[in-house]
Amino acid sequence: MQDEYRTVARAGVHETEINRSRFLCALAPAATEREAQEFIAGVRKEHADATHNCWAYVIGADAAVQKANDDGEPGGTAGVPMLQMLLRRDMRYVVAVVTRYYGGVKLGAGGLIRAYGGAVGEALDHVGTLTRRRFRLATVTVDHQRAGRLENDLRATGRTVREVRYAEEVTIEIGLPDAEVDAFRAWLADTTAGTAVLTLGGEAYGDA
């Protein structure tokens, strides 16, 4: 399982012009294949008059789903170089659509590969990316007397406090890198005089 991956910070569009052809690369985060396909459909509808709307997407932290489409460009000159650029940049859960408005000058196979791959690379630089790291979900259960100070200490030491619930006792949900679980357990025991209980849950990804 991947320890980290990168994805786009937000949806966005970046335009480049090569030999009078306009290339508009639309990028968006996509949690599922369906989200990716809905985004592609939206761009195709918006640019129904374009010469081509080529696309690629990568879903899964381990890039389990990889798909690309040339949309009428010569085979392997559009969707595949777009996909390769996403993978080269370690991008996951992302969809890219490059819309081309033909400008009257043929680019040739090599030119198309460079244009489509380059459009995705430039759009990634323009839109911005962020890294998500794998962490262990954990719950700290503590008495009300110590809860406020413990929550402050957790935030002060850079821990991600995901949720705080108040009942008979207070439960604080946090995220921990696997490598830090033992050290955190020792810190928690020291900070709360051994009164807090740490329960480890499943794994998830969060902002680095």
C-alpha atoms as a PDB file:
ATOM      1  CA  MET A   1       0.000   0.000   0.000  1.00  0.00           C
ATOM      2  CA  GLN A   2       1.284   3.432  -0.949  1.00  0.00           C
ATOM      3  CA  ASP A   3       2.588   5.541   1.949  1.00  0.00           C
ATOM      4  CA  GLU A   4       1.673   8.702   0.086  1.00  0.00           C
ATOM      5  CA  TYR A   5       0.334  10.001  -3.201  1.00  0.00           C
ATOM      6  CA  ARG A   6      -0.293  13.333  -4.878  1.00  0.00           C
ATOM      7  CA  THR A   7      -3.498  14.773  -6.207  1.00  0.00           C
ATOM      8  CA  VAL A   8      -4.695  18.115  -7.568  1.00  0.00           C
ATOM      9  CA  ALA A   9      -5.450  20.791  -5.003  1.00  0.00           C
ATOM     10  CA  ARG A  10      -8.613  21.866  -6.847  1.00  0.00           C
ATOM     11  CA  ALA A  11     -10.337  21.785 -10.217  1.00  0.00           C
ATOM     12  CA  GLY A  12      -8.896  24.158 -12.797  1.00  0.00           C
ATOM     13  CA  VAL A  13      -8.178  24.832 -16.460  1.00  0.00           C
ATOM     14  CA  HIS A  14      -4.961  25.881 -18.181  1.00  0.00           C
ATOM     15  CA  GLU A  15      -4.653  26.819 -21.861  1.00  0.00           C
ATOM     16  CA  THR A  16      -1.649  26.538 -24.178  1.00  0.00           C
ATOM     17  CA  GLU A  17      -1.308  27.276 -27.891  1.00  0.00           C
ATOM     18  CA  ILE A  18       0.886  25.203 -30.219  1.00  0.00           C
ATOM     19  CA  ASN A  19       1.073  25.969 -33.953  1.00  0.00           C
ATOM     20  CA  ARG A  20      -2.251  27.818 -33.794  1.00  0.00           C
ATOM     21  CA  SER A  21      -4.049  24.870 -32.125  1.00  0.00           C
ATOM     22  CA  ARG A  22      -5.533  25.679 -28.720  1.00  0.00           C
ATOM     23  CA  PHE A  23      -5.115  23.055 -26.003  1.00  0.00           C
ATOM     24  CA  LEU A  24      -7.244  23.510 -22.880  1.00  0.00           C
ATOM     25  CA  CYS A  25      -6.424  21.093 -20.075  1.00  0.00           C
ATOM     26  CA  ALA A  26      -9.130  20.731 -17.431  1.00  0.00           C
ATOM     27  CA  LEU A  27      -8.098  18.954 -14.229  1.00  0.00           C
ATOM     28  CA  ALA A  28     -10.168  17.849 -11.255  1.00  0.00           C
ATOM     29  CA  PRO A  29      -9.900  15.591  -8.226  1.00  0.00           C
ATOM     30  CA  ALA A  30     -11.991  12.410  -8.622  1.00  0.00           C
ATOM     31  CA  ALA A  31     -12.619   9.942  -5.801  1.00  0.00           C
ATOM     32  CA  THR A  32     -14.239   7.349  -8.088  1.00  0.00           C
ATOM     33  CA  GLU A  33     -14.390   6.352 -11.761  1.00  0.00           C
ATOM     34  CA  ARG A  34     -17.932   7.661 -11.879  1.00  0.00           C
ATOM     35  CA  GLU A  35     -16.798  11.109 -10.707  1.00  0.00           C
ATOM     36  CA  ALA A  36     -14.079  11.088 -13.358  1.00  0.00           C
ATOM     37  CA  GLN A  37     -16.532  10.094 -16.099  1.00  0.00           C
ATOM     38  CA  GLU A  38     -19.045  12.737 -15.027  1.00  0.00           C
ATOM     39  CA  PHE A  39     -16.314  15.387 -15.187  1.00  0.00           C
ATOM     40  CA  ILE A  40     -15.303  14.206 -18.678  1.00  0.00           C
ATOM     41  CA  ALA A  41     -18.955  14.330 -19.817  1.00  0.00           C
ATOM     42  CA  GLY A  42     -19.271  17.876 -18.479  1.00  0.00           C
ATOM     43  CA  VAL A  43     -16.181  19.089 -20.364  1.00  0.00           C
ATOM     44  CA  ARG A  44     -17.305  17.359 -23.581  1.00  0.00           C
ATOM     45  CA  LYS A  45     -20.685  19.099 -23.289  1.00  0.00           C
ATOM     46  CA  GLU A  46     -19.060  22.470 -22.616  1.00  0.00           C
ATOM     47  CA  HIS A  47     -16.710  22.068 -25.597  1.00  0.00           C
ATOM     48  CA  ALA A  48     -18.979  20.136 -27.951  1.00  0.00           C
ATOM     49  CA  ASP A  49     -17.656  22.221 -30.858  1.00  0.00           C
ATOM     50  CA  ALA A  50     -14.012  21.284 -30.202  1.00  0.00           C
ATOM     51  CA  THR A  51     -11.994  19.121 -32.592  1.00  0.00           C
ATOM     52  CA  HIS A  52     -11.106  16.635 -29.821  1.00  0.00           C
ATOM     53  CA  ASN A  53     -11.756  16.113 -26.107  1.00  0.00           C
ATOM     54  CA  CYS A  54      -9.116  13.581 -25.044  1.00  0.00           C
ATOM     55  CA  TRP A  55      -8.949  12.322 -21.475  1.00  0.00           C
ATOM     56  CA  ALA A  56      -7.132  10.261 -18.892  1.00  0.00           C
ATOM     57  CA  TYR A  57      -7.667   9.446 -15.247  1.00  0.00           C
ATOM     58  CA  VAL A  58      -6.003   7.577 -12.402  1.00  0.00           C
ATOM     59  CA  ILE A  59      -8.076   6.283  -9.486  1.00  0.00           C
ATOM     60  CA  GLY A  60      -6.752   4.578  -6.344  1.00  0.00           C
ATOM     61  CA  ALA A  61      -3.786   5.336  -4.101  1.00  0.00           C
ATOM     62  CA  ASP A  62      -1.981   2.458  -5.835  1.00  0.00           C
ATOM     63  CA  ALA A  63      -3.164   3.617  -9.299  1.00  0.00           C
ATOM     64  CA  ALA A  64      -5.374   0.523  -9.631  1.00  0.00           C
ATOM     65  CA  VAL A  65      -7.564   2.176 -12.296  1.00  0.00           C
ATOM     66  CA  GLN A  66      -5.840   3.834 -15.252  1.00  0.00           C
ATOM     67  CA  LYS A  67      -7.825   4.796 -18.347  1.00  0.00           C
ATOM     68  CA  ALA A  68      -7.219   7.025 -21.351  1.00  0.00           C
ATOM     69  CA  ASN A  69      -8.935   7.934 -24.606  1.00  0.00           C
ATOM     70  CA  ASP A  70      -7.624   9.600 -27.795  1.00  0.00           C
ATOM     71  CA  ASP A  71     -11.059  10.846 -28.953  1.00  0.00           C
ATOM     72  CA  GLY A  72     -10.209  10.599 -32.637  1.00  0.00           C
ATOM     73  CA  GLU A  73      -6.545  11.615 -32.527  1.00  0.00           C
ATOM     74  CA  PRO A  74      -4.124   8.997 -33.962  1.00  0.00           C
ATOM     75  CA  GLY A  75      -3.879   6.012 -31.582  1.00  0.00           C
ATOM     76  CA  GLY A  76      -1.555   6.559 -28.640  1.00  0.00           C
ATOM     77  CA  THR A  77      -0.831  10.246 -29.355  1.00  0.00           C
ATOM     78  CA  ALA A  78      -3.190  11.893 -26.843  1.00  0.00           C
ATOM     79  CA  GLY A  79      -4.769   9.883 -24.023  1.00  0.00           C
ATOM     80  CA  VAL A  80      -1.703   7.718 -23.333  1.00  0.00           C
ATOM     81  CA  PRO A  81       0.796  10.603 -23.053  1.00  0.00           C
ATOM     82  CA  MET A  82      -1.709  12.378 -20.794  1.00  0.00           C
ATOM     83  CA  LEU A  83      -1.934   9.288 -18.587  1.00  0.00           C
ATOM     84  CA  GLN A  84       1.842   8.882 -18.578  1.00  0.00           C
ATOM     85  CA  MET A  85       2.270  12.470 -17.394  1.00  0.00           C
ATOM     86  CA  LEU A  86      -0.177  11.887 -14.510  1.00  0.00           C
ATOM     87  CA  LEU A  87       1.697   8.730 -13.493  1.00  0.00           C
ATOM     88  CA  ARG A  88       5.130  10.347 -13.874  1.00  0.00           C
ATOM     89  CA  ARG A  89       3.994  13.033 -11.422  1.00  0.00           C
ATOM     90  CA  ASP A  90       2.643  10.361  -8.988  1.00  0.00           C
ATOM     91  CA  MET A  91      -0.874  11.751  -9.389  1.00  0.00           C
ATOM     92  CA  ARG A  92      -3.821   9.763  -8.036  1.00  0.00           C
ATOM     93  CA  TYR A  93      -7.576  10.318  -7.798  1.00  0.00           C
ATOM     94  CA  VAL A  94      -7.352  12.792 -10.658  1.00  0.00           C
ATOM     95  CA  VAL A  95      -8.950  13.279 -14.072  1.00  0.00           C
ATOM     96  CA  ALA A  96      -7.580  15.310 -16.990  1.00  0.00           C
ATOM     97  CA  VAL A  97      -9.387  16.363 -20.170  1.00  0.00           C
ATOM     98  CA  VAL A  98      -7.464  18.117 -22.943  1.00  0.00           C
ATOM     99  CA  THR A  99      -9.735  19.933 -25.361  1.00  0.00           C
ATOM    100  CA  ARG A 100      -8.153  20.743 -28.737  1.00  0.00           C
ATOM    101  CA  TYR A 101      -9.349  23.381 -31.153  1.00  0.00           C
ATOM    102  CA  TYR A 102      -7.484  22.654 -34.389  1.00  0.00           C
ATOM    103  CA  GLY A 103      -5.610  25.633 -35.783  1.00  0.00           C
ATOM    104  CA  GLY A 104      -4.874  24.402 -39.297  1.00  0.00           C
ATOM    105  CA  VAL A 105      -1.306  23.116 -38.806  1.00  0.00           C
ATOM    106  CA  LYS A 106      -0.728  19.374 -38.397  1.00  0.00           C
ATOM    107  CA  LEU A 107       1.611  18.500 -35.530  1.00  0.00           C
ATOM    108  CA  GLY A 108       2.515  14.927 -36.474  1.00  0.00           C
ATOM    109  CA  ALA A 109       2.545  12.015 -34.009  1.00  0.00           C
ATOM    110  CA  GLY A 110       5.559  13.248 -32.028  1.00  0.00           C
ATOM    111  CA  GLY A 111       4.161  16.758 -31.856  1.00  0.00           C
ATOM    112  CA  LEU A 112       0.804  15.506 -30.625  1.00  0.00           C
ATOM    113  CA  ILE A 113       2.405  13.352 -27.917  1.00  0.00           C
ATOM    114  CA  ARG A 114       4.432  16.328 -26.685  1.00  0.00           C
ATOM    115  CA  ALA A 115       1.434  18.666 -26.904  1.00  0.00           C
ATOM    116  CA  TYR A 116      -1.022  16.504 -24.985  1.00  0.00           C
ATOM    117  CA  GLY A 117       1.463  15.328 -22.354  1.00  0.00           C
ATOM    118  CA  GLY A 118       2.837  18.858 -22.011  1.00  0.00           C
ATOM    119  CA  ALA A 119      -0.638  20.360 -21.629  1.00  0.00           C
ATOM    120  CA  VAL A 120      -1.268  18.107 -18.620  1.00  0.00           C
ATOM    121  CA  GLY A 121       2.145  18.885 -17.090  1.00  0.00           C
ATOM    122  CA  GLU A 122       1.648  22.644 -17.441  1.00  0.00           C
ATOM    123  CA  ALA A 123      -1.893  22.424 -16.034  1.00  0.00           C
ATOM    124  CA  LEU A 124      -0.616  20.495 -12.975  1.00  0.00           C
ATOM    125  CA  ASP A 125       1.935  23.251 -12.368  1.00  0.00           C
ATOM    126  CA  HIS A 126      -0.740  25.909 -12.821  1.00  0.00           C
ATOM    127  CA  VAL A 127      -3.494  24.324 -10.691  1.00  0.00           C
ATOM    128  CA  GLY A 128      -1.189  23.033  -7.963  1.00  0.00           C
ATOM    129  CA  THR A 129      -0.899  19.657  -6.261  1.00  0.00           C
ATOM    130  CA  LEU A 130      -0.909  18.402  -2.697  1.00  0.00           C
ATOM    131  CA  THR A 131       0.486  15.293  -1.039  1.00  0.00           C
ATOM    132  CA  ARG A 132      -1.669  12.958   0.997  1.00  0.00           C
ATOM    133  CA  ARG A 133       0.040  10.602   3.445  1.00  0.00           C
ATOM    134  CA  ARG A 134      -1.208   7.331   4.867  1.00  0.00           C
ATOM    135  CA  PHE A 135      -1.989   7.385   8.565  1.00  0.00           C
ATOM    136  CA  ARG A 136      -3.616   5.263  11.242  1.00  0.00           C
ATOM    137  CA  LEU A 137      -6.938   6.420  12.656  1.00  0.00           C
ATOM    138  CA  ALA A 138      -6.749   6.415  16.448  1.00  0.00           C
ATOM    139  CA  THR A 139      -9.068   7.313  19.301  1.00  0.00           C
ATOM    140  CA  VAL A 140      -7.908   8.687  22.640  1.00  0.00           C
ATOM    141  CA  THR A 141     -10.373   8.309  25.525  1.00  0.00           C
ATOM    142  CA  VAL A 142      -9.722  10.543  28.522  1.00  0.00           C
ATOM    143  CA  ASP A 143     -11.581  12.041  31.492  1.00  0.00           C
ATOM    144  CA  HIS A 144     -13.127  15.526  31.293  1.00  0.00           C
ATOM    145  CA  GLN A 145     -10.566  16.952  33.703  1.00  0.00           C
ATOM    146  CA  ARG A 146      -7.666  16.256  31.342  1.00  0.00           C
ATOM    147  CA  ALA A 147      -9.455  16.544  27.989  1.00  0.00           C
ATOM    148  CA  GLY A 148      -9.041  20.266  27.356  1.00  0.00           C
ATOM    149  CA  ARG A 149      -5.339  20.337  28.098  1.00  0.00           C
ATOM    150  CA  LEU A 150      -4.725  17.124  26.146  1.00  0.00           C
ATOM    151  CA  GLU A 151      -6.521  18.492  23.081  1.00  0.00           C
ATOM    152  CA  ASN A 152      -4.406  21.651  23.262  1.00  0.00           C
ATOM    153  CA  ASP A 153      -1.223  19.582  23.649  1.00  0.00           C
ATOM    154  CA  LEU A 154      -2.176  17.434  20.651  1.00  0.00           C
ATOM    155  CA  ARG A 155      -2.701  20.475  18.448  1.00  0.00           C
ATOM    156  CA  ALA A 156       0.462  22.153  19.770  1.00  0.00           C
ATOM    157  CA  THR A 157       2.531  19.096  18.798  1.00  0.00           C
ATOM    158  CA  GLY A 158       1.122  19.159  15.265  1.00  0.00           C
ATOM    159  CA  ARG A 159      -1.324  16.263  15.578  1.00  0.00           C
ATOM    160  CA  THR A 160      -4.390  16.248  13.346  1.00  0.00           C
ATOM    161  CA  VAL A 161      -7.406  16.305  15.665  1.00  0.00           C
ATOM    162  CA  ARG A 162     -10.250  14.997  13.523  1.00  0.00           C
ATOM    163  CA  GLU A 163     -13.129  15.008  16.000  1.00  0.00           C
ATOM    164  CA  VAL A 164     -13.820  15.509  19.715  1.00  0.00           C
ATOM    165  CA  ARG A 165     -16.878  13.896  21.348  1.00  0.00           C
ATOM    166  CA  TYR A 166     -18.079  14.601  24.881  1.00  0.00           C
ATOM    167  CA  ALA A 167     -19.984  11.929  26.827  1.00  0.00           C
ATOM    168  CA  GLU A 168     -19.214  10.306  30.189  1.00  0.00           C
ATOM    169  CA  GLU A 169     -15.656  10.474  28.959  1.00  0.00           C
ATOM    170  CA  VAL A 170     -14.134  12.507  26.151  1.00  0.00           C
ATOM    171  CA  THR A 171     -13.006  10.769  22.948  1.00  0.00           C
ATOM    172  CA  ILE A 172     -10.568  12.536  20.656  1.00  0.00           C
ATOM    173  CA  GLU A 173     -10.053  11.147  17.150  1.00  0.00           C
ATOM    174  CA  ILE A 174      -6.620  11.717  15.644  1.00  0.00           C
ATOM    175  CA  GLY A 175      -4.483  10.540  12.744  1.00  0.00           C
ATOM    176  CA  LEU A 176      -1.049   8.981  13.367  1.00  0.00           C
ATOM    177  CA  PRO A 177       1.646   7.796  10.976  1.00  0.00           C
ATOM    178  CA  ASP A 178       2.235   4.076  11.686  1.00  0.00           C
ATOM    179  CA  ALA A 179       5.883   4.706  12.516  1.00  0.00           C
ATOM    180  CA  GLU A 180       4.923   7.071  15.343  1.00  0.00           C
ATOM    181  CA  VAL A 181       2.347   4.922  17.140  1.00  0.00           C
ATOM    182  CA  ASP A 182       4.714   3.560  19.819  1.00  0.00           C
ATOM    183  CA  ALA A 183       6.272   6.957  20.555  1.00  0.00           C
ATOM    184  CA  PHE A 184       2.826   8.535  20.740  1.00  0.00           C
ATOM    185  CA  ARG A 185       1.587   5.844  23.117  1.00  0.00           C
ATOM    186  CA  ALA A 186       4.512   6.608  25.465  1.00  0.00           C
ATOM    187  CA  TRP A 187       3.927  10.384  25.182  1.00  0.00           C
ATOM    188  CA  LEU A 188       0.219   9.947  25.917  1.00  0.00           C
ATOM    189  CA  ALA A 189       0.873   7.829  29.008  1.00  0.00           C
ATOM    190  CA  ASP A 190       3.343  10.413  30.275  1.00  0.00           C
ATOM    191  CA  THR A 191       1.092  13.395  29.545  1.00  0.00           C
ATOM    192  CA  THR A 192      -2.042  11.931  31.151  1.00  0.00           C
ATOM    193  CA  ALA A 193      -0.352   9.977  33.973  1.00  0.00           C
ATOM    194  CA  GLY A 194      -1.475   6.751  32.334  1.00  0.00           C
ATOM    195  CA  THR A 195      -5.195   7.619  32.486  1.00  0.00           C
ATOM    196  CA  ALA A 196      -5.882   7.936  28.735  1.00  0.00           C
ATOM    197  CA  VAL A 197      -6.694   4.936  26.565  1.00  0.00           C
ATOM    198  CA  LEU A 198      -5.434   4.728  22.970  1.00  0.00           C
ATOM    199  CA  THR A 199      -7.461   2.640  20.500  1.00  0.00           C
ATOM    200  CA  LEU A 200      -6.111   2.088  16.988  1.00  0.00           C
ATOM    201  CA  GLY A 201      -8.488   1.970  14.039  1.00  0.00           C
ATOM    202  CA  GLY A 202      -8.158   1.541  10.291  1.00  0.00           C
ATOM    203  CA  GLU A 203      -6.007   3.403   7.780  1.00  0.00           C
ATOM    204  CA  ALA A 204      -6.779   6.478   5.733  1.00  0.00           C
ATOM    205  CA  TYR A 205      -5.029   9.229   3.790  1.00  0.00           C
ATOM    206  CA  GLY A 206      -4.777  12.855   4.786  1.00  0.00           C
ATOM    207  CA  ASP A 207      -3.011  16.081   3.879  1.00  0.00           C
ATOM    208  CA  ALA A 208       0.713  15.995   4.515  1.00  0.00           C
END
